[in-house]
Amino acid sequence: MPPRTLPFLIFLAGCAHIEARVERFGERVRPGAITVSPVVVVADLPGAPIGSVAPPGEIESMVGADGQAPPTVLDPVADAAFLRNDFVGNVRFGGGFIRTGAVALETRARIIEPQPSDALRTQGTAWLQSATTAALADRRIDIVDASAPPAGLTLTWRPTRGEDPEDGHDDVNLPRTGLVPTAVDASTLPGTWLVPYLRAYYTHNGGWFLGQRWGCMAGARVDVELVLYVEGKPIWWMEAAGRSLDEKVAQATTAELDQHLLNAEQQVERALEKGLFR
């Protein structure tokens, strides 16, 4: 008989409210005046090629023999934003979990449907623009709002080696990566600019992201990076990420997912208020 997947909820674990993770880089700065760029969506920027993604093996592929849909095969080009954790939209999981890989047996949901969303993209960029402006409001910094983002912006994806305390049950794919801004031509970015980047803004039902050991319940994640450029050179930046996971619900309603997004947004807002040019 072909192998069957385990019941979907057996190994799911999660928690409702997680405080935002914050990283700051560069020297402590407090500019006197800055131009604030419109939000840049990271998924729109050119990224380094993703290596081959381990497809479901022969054992996992046999699941389809009993009438179920075969496992999802993730494409390193079409699914690049999801694989890098630079995704904006909703992610649907289903069918229990499988294990893939020739060296390490990585756990993942059998069915993974990344669903990009223009509505969430519009909502996320508007929220981050507002949150950035609010965080700057009491800094006594002269602000000029730019009409368009600077041209030629690029980022470098920095692989994170080793384990993170949340690995195995977090709502993020492994391996994790960080974002490092790179210098641009000073003629396209003269003066002092603050660029808010929206890296991730997504909701999901309960399931297994790539590499999760225990899986997680339904929830949402918001991940941003703010970068200060002076004459085209990044001199300071900070990352802030918030997430909200349900404790018991795997299949959340739209209203519940909206609440998870609000929870994650508030975590990032608090992080920006505490960390932006402090």
Protein backbone atom coordinates (compact mmCIF):
# COMPACT_ATOMS: atom_id res chain seq x y z
CA MET A 1 0.00 0.00 0.00
CA PRO A 2 1.26 3.56 -0.67
CA PRO A 3 2.28 5.58 2.38
CA ARG A 4 -0.27 7.90 3.86
CA THR A 5 0.37 11.27 5.44
CA LEU A 6 -0.15 11.74 9.16
CA PRO A 7 -3.20 13.68 10.38
CA PHE A 8 -2.75 17.35 9.69
CA LEU A 9 -2.92 18.73 13.23
CA ILE A 10 -0.86 16.27 15.23
CA PHE A 11 2.41 18.18 15.31
CA LEU A 12 1.22 21.76 15.00
CA ALA A 13 2.32 24.14 17.72
CA GLY A 14 2.11 27.88 18.08
CA CYS A 15 1.58 30.87 20.30
CA ALA A 16 -0.73 33.82 19.95
CA HIS A 17 1.48 36.90 20.40
CA ILE A 18 5.22 37.08 19.75
CA GLU A 19 7.15 40.27 20.41
CA ALA A 20 8.89 41.75 17.40
CA ARG A 21 12.45 40.77 16.60
CA VAL A 22 14.67 43.80 15.97
CA GLU A 23 18.17 44.15 14.55
CA ARG A 24 20.03 47.44 14.11
CA PHE A 25 23.16 48.02 12.07
CA GLY A 26 25.62 50.86 11.60
CA GLU A 27 26.38 53.76 13.91
CA ARG A 28 23.78 55.53 16.01
CA VAL A 29 22.65 58.50 13.94
CA ARG A 30 20.19 61.34 14.21
CA PRO A 31 19.92 63.21 10.91
CA GLY A 32 18.75 66.79 10.88
CA ALA A 33 16.73 66.50 7.69
CA ILE A 34 15.81 63.56 5.46
CA THR A 35 13.87 62.70 2.36
CA VAL A 36 11.48 59.83 3.02
CA SER A 37 10.97 57.48 0.08
CA PRO A 38 7.73 55.73 -0.75
CA VAL A 39 7.76 52.12 0.44
CA VAL A 40 9.77 49.69 -1.71
CA VAL A 41 8.53 46.10 -1.89
CA VAL A 42 11.54 43.79 -1.62
CA ALA A 43 10.03 41.19 -3.96
CA ASP A 44 10.19 43.81 -6.77
CA LEU A 45 13.99 44.10 -6.53
CA PRO A 46 16.39 41.84 -8.41
CA GLY A 47 17.54 38.98 -6.19
CA ALA A 48 20.36 36.50 -6.39
CA PRO A 49 19.37 33.25 -8.12
CA ILE A 50 17.96 30.61 -5.82
CA GLY A 51 19.66 27.24 -6.04
CA SER A 52 17.76 24.10 -6.84
CA VAL A 53 14.82 23.38 -4.55
CA ALA A 54 14.65 19.76 -3.40
CA PRO A 55 11.61 18.23 -5.11
CA PRO A 56 9.42 15.67 -3.37
CA GLY A 57 11.21 12.31 -3.43
CA GLU A 58 9.88 9.04 -4.79
CA ILE A 59 8.29 8.06 -1.49
CA GLU A 60 6.51 11.40 -1.13
CA SER A 61 5.37 11.38 -4.75
CA MET A 62 3.64 8.03 -4.23
CA VAL A 63 1.09 9.80 -2.05
CA GLY A 64 -0.81 10.66 -5.23
CA ALA A 65 -1.36 7.00 -5.94
CA ASP A 66 -4.21 6.81 -3.43
CA GLY A 67 -6.22 9.54 -5.14
CA GLN A 68 -4.78 12.56 -3.35
CA ALA A 69 -3.18 15.42 -5.24
CA PRO A 70 0.59 15.00 -5.67
CA PRO A 71 2.90 17.19 -3.57
CA THR A 72 3.55 20.76 -4.68
CA VAL A 73 6.80 21.27 -6.59
CA LEU A 74 8.14 24.73 -5.74
CA ASP A 75 9.77 26.64 -8.58
CA PRO A 76 12.95 28.64 -7.75
CA VAL A 77 11.89 31.39 -10.17
CA ALA A 78 8.11 31.60 -9.87
CA ASP A 79 8.19 31.00 -6.11
CA ALA A 80 11.38 32.98 -5.38
CA ALA A 81 9.67 35.56 -3.14
CA PHE A 82 8.09 32.82 -1.02
CA LEU A 83 11.31 30.81 -0.79
CA ARG A 84 13.29 33.91 0.32
CA ASN A 85 10.61 34.94 2.85
CA ASP A 86 10.03 38.13 0.85
CA PHE A 87 6.40 37.31 0.22
CA VAL A 88 3.29 39.51 0.20
CA GLY A 89 -0.01 37.66 0.10
CA ASN A 90 -1.55 34.55 1.62
CA VAL A 91 -0.09 31.05 1.93
CA ARG A 92 -2.33 27.97 1.94
CA PHE A 93 -1.08 24.65 3.28
CA GLY A 94 -2.75 21.28 3.08
CA GLY A 95 -2.38 17.51 2.96
CA GLY A 96 -0.30 16.96 6.09
CA PHE A 97 3.48 16.99 5.76
CA ILE A 98 6.23 15.27 3.83
CA ARG A 99 10.01 15.19 4.14
CA THR A 100 12.29 16.12 1.26
CA GLY A 101 16.01 16.37 0.64
CA ALA A 102 18.90 14.01 0.04
CA VAL A 103 21.11 15.14 2.98
CA ALA A 104 18.84 16.67 5.62
CA LEU A 105 15.24 15.49 5.60
CA GLU A 106 13.43 18.82 5.61
CA THR A 107 9.81 18.77 6.73
CA ARG A 108 7.29 20.78 4.72
CA ALA A 109 3.59 20.78 3.95
CA ARG A 110 2.64 18.44 1.11
CA ILE A 111 0.52 21.12 -0.57
CA ILE A 112 1.86 24.70 -0.56
CA GLU A 113 0.00 27.44 -2.43
CA PRO A 114 1.66 30.89 -2.26
CA GLN A 115 -1.06 33.34 -3.32
CA PRO A 116 0.26 36.84 -4.11
CA SER A 117 -2.28 39.54 -3.26
CA ASP A 118 -2.54 43.03 -4.73
CA ALA A 119 -4.93 43.96 -1.91
CA LEU A 120 -2.44 42.97 0.79
CA ARG A 121 0.35 44.69 -1.14
CA THR A 122 -1.61 47.97 -1.19
CA GLN A 123 -2.55 47.58 2.46
CA GLY A 124 0.99 46.69 3.56
CA THR A 125 2.74 49.54 1.74
CA ALA A 126 0.21 52.09 3.00
CA TRP A 127 0.60 50.80 6.56
CA LEU A 128 4.43 50.92 6.48
CA GLN A 129 4.45 54.42 5.01
CA SER A 130 2.18 55.59 7.80
CA ALA A 131 4.13 53.72 10.49
CA THR A 132 7.42 55.23 9.30
CA THR A 133 6.00 58.75 9.31
CA ALA A 134 4.52 58.23 12.78
CA ALA A 135 7.82 56.95 14.17
CA LEU A 136 9.59 60.04 12.83
CA ALA A 137 6.98 62.47 14.12
CA ASP A 138 8.57 63.15 17.51
CA ARG A 139 12.21 63.05 16.37
CA ARG A 140 12.35 66.77 15.47
CA ILE A 141 13.70 65.90 12.05
CA ASP A 142 12.78 67.92 8.97
CA ILE A 143 11.06 65.54 6.58
CA VAL A 144 10.50 65.81 2.83
CA ASP A 145 8.19 63.22 1.26
CA ALA A 146 9.50 61.97 -2.08
CA SER A 147 7.07 61.33 -4.91
CA ALA A 148 8.84 58.17 -6.09
CA PRO A 149 11.47 55.73 -4.76
CA PRO A 150 15.07 56.25 -5.87
CA ALA A 151 16.25 54.33 -8.92
CA GLY A 152 18.82 51.56 -8.74
CA LEU A 153 18.17 50.29 -5.22
CA THR A 154 19.62 46.85 -4.52
CA LEU A 155 19.88 44.51 -1.56
CA THR A 156 22.09 41.54 -0.75
CA TRP A 157 20.60 38.45 0.84
CA ARG A 158 22.79 37.34 3.73
CA PRO A 159 22.47 33.66 4.66
CA THR A 160 22.05 32.92 8.35
CA ARG A 161 23.98 29.87 9.52
CA GLY A 162 23.07 27.73 12.49
CA GLU A 163 19.89 27.52 14.46
CA ASP A 164 17.55 30.26 15.56
CA PRO A 165 15.51 29.79 18.76
CA GLU A 166 12.31 29.89 16.72
CA ASP A 167 13.41 27.44 14.02
CA GLY A 168 11.19 24.43 13.72
CA HIS A 169 7.96 26.11 14.79
CA ASP A 170 8.11 29.62 13.32
CA ASP A 171 6.08 30.86 10.31
CA VAL A 172 9.11 31.35 8.08
CA ASN A 173 10.99 29.14 5.63
CA LEU A 174 14.45 27.80 6.38
CA PRO A 175 17.18 28.70 5.80
CA ARG A 176 16.65 32.21 7.10
CA THR A 177 18.32 35.16 5.36
CA GLY A 178 18.98 38.77 6.31
CA LEU A 179 19.00 41.77 4.00
CA VAL A 180 22.03 44.02 3.58
CA PRO A 181 21.60 47.25 1.58
CA THR A 182 24.23 48.15 -0.97
CA ALA A 183 25.49 51.54 -2.13
CA VAL A 184 23.96 53.22 -5.17
CA ASP A 185 25.15 56.03 -7.42
CA ALA A 186 25.13 59.25 -5.42
CA SER A 187 23.74 61.10 -8.44
CA THR A 188 20.52 59.08 -8.16
CA LEU A 189 20.37 59.38 -4.37
CA PRO A 190 21.82 62.78 -3.37
CA GLY A 191 21.50 64.01 0.16
CA THR A 192 20.01 61.99 3.01
CA TRP A 193 17.24 59.48 2.31
CA LEU A 194 15.28 57.06 4.46
CA VAL A 195 13.93 54.13 2.45
CA PRO A 196 11.34 51.82 4.05
CA TYR A 197 11.41 48.30 2.59
CA LEU A 198 8.45 45.95 2.99
CA ARG A 199 9.96 42.50 3.00
CA ALA A 200 7.12 40.25 4.12
CA TYR A 201 3.44 40.85 4.74
CA TYR A 202 1.52 37.61 4.66
CA THR A 203 -1.18 35.51 6.28
CA HIS A 204 -1.42 31.72 6.35
CA ASN A 205 -3.42 28.79 7.64
CA GLY A 206 -1.85 26.16 9.89
CA GLY A 207 0.86 24.04 8.29
CA TRP A 208 4.53 23.48 7.73
CA PHE A 209 6.79 26.09 6.15
CA LEU A 210 9.98 24.68 4.61
CA GLY A 211 12.17 23.16 7.29
CA GLN A 212 9.66 23.41 10.14
CA ARG A 213 9.88 20.53 12.58
CA TRP A 214 6.59 21.05 14.42
CA GLY A 215 4.65 23.38 12.16
CA CYS A 216 2.56 26.33 13.31
CA MET A 217 -1.06 27.37 13.58
CA ALA A 218 -2.76 30.02 11.46
CA GLY A 219 -1.34 33.52 11.67
CA ALA A 220 0.52 36.35 9.99
CA ARG A 221 4.01 37.78 9.62
CA VAL A 222 5.23 41.32 8.89
CA ASP A 223 8.91 41.98 8.16
CA VAL A 224 10.38 45.39 7.29
CA GLU A 225 13.76 47.07 6.91
CA LEU A 226 14.45 50.81 7.09
CA VAL A 227 17.68 52.09 5.54
CA LEU A 228 19.29 55.52 5.86
CA TYR A 229 21.39 56.53 2.83
CA VAL A 230 23.77 59.49 2.71
CA GLU A 231 24.97 60.37 -0.80
CA GLY A 232 24.04 56.89 -1.96
CA LYS A 233 25.77 54.99 0.86
CA PRO A 234 23.78 53.03 3.47
CA ILE A 235 25.10 54.24 6.83
CA TRP A 236 22.41 52.85 9.15
CA TRP A 237 19.55 50.38 8.91
CA MET A 238 17.26 48.39 11.11
CA GLU A 239 15.14 45.30 10.61
CA ALA A 240 11.92 44.71 12.52
CA ALA A 241 9.65 41.68 12.28
CA GLY A 242 6.38 40.90 14.00
CA ARG A 243 4.26 37.80 13.92
CA SER A 244 1.04 36.55 15.45
CA LEU A 245 0.12 32.87 15.65
CA ASP A 246 -3.05 31.28 16.92
CA GLU A 247 -2.80 28.84 19.79
CA LYS A 248 -5.48 26.40 18.63
CA VAL A 249 -6.90 27.36 15.23
CA ALA A 250 -5.41 25.96 12.02
CA GLN A 251 -8.07 27.23 9.60
CA ALA A 252 -8.67 30.88 10.45
CA THR A 253 -11.41 33.13 9.11
CA THR A 254 -10.64 36.27 7.14
CA ALA A 255 -11.42 38.40 10.19
CA GLU A 256 -9.10 36.31 12.35
CA LEU A 257 -6.27 36.63 9.82
CA ASP A 258 -6.84 40.39 9.71
CA GLN A 259 -6.46 40.48 13.48
CA HIS A 260 -3.20 38.52 13.26
CA LEU A 261 -1.92 41.08 10.74
CA LEU A 262 -2.92 43.91 13.07
CA ASN A 263 -1.08 42.20 15.94
CA ALA A 264 2.08 41.82 13.82
CA GLU A 265 1.85 45.42 12.57
CA GLN A 266 1.61 46.73 16.13
CA GLN A 267 4.73 44.81 17.14
CA VAL A 268 6.69 46.39 14.29
CA GLU A 269 5.28 49.84 15.09
CA ARG A 270 6.51 49.54 18.68
CA ALA A 271 9.92 48.43 17.42
CA LEU A 272 10.18 51.42 15.07
CA GLU A 273 9.09 53.80 17.81
CA LYS A 274 11.79 52.46 20.12
CA GLY A 275 14.58 51.95 17.61
CA LEU A 276 14.33 54.47 14.78
CA PHE A 277 17.29 56.86 15.27
CA ARG A 278 17.27 56.29 19.02
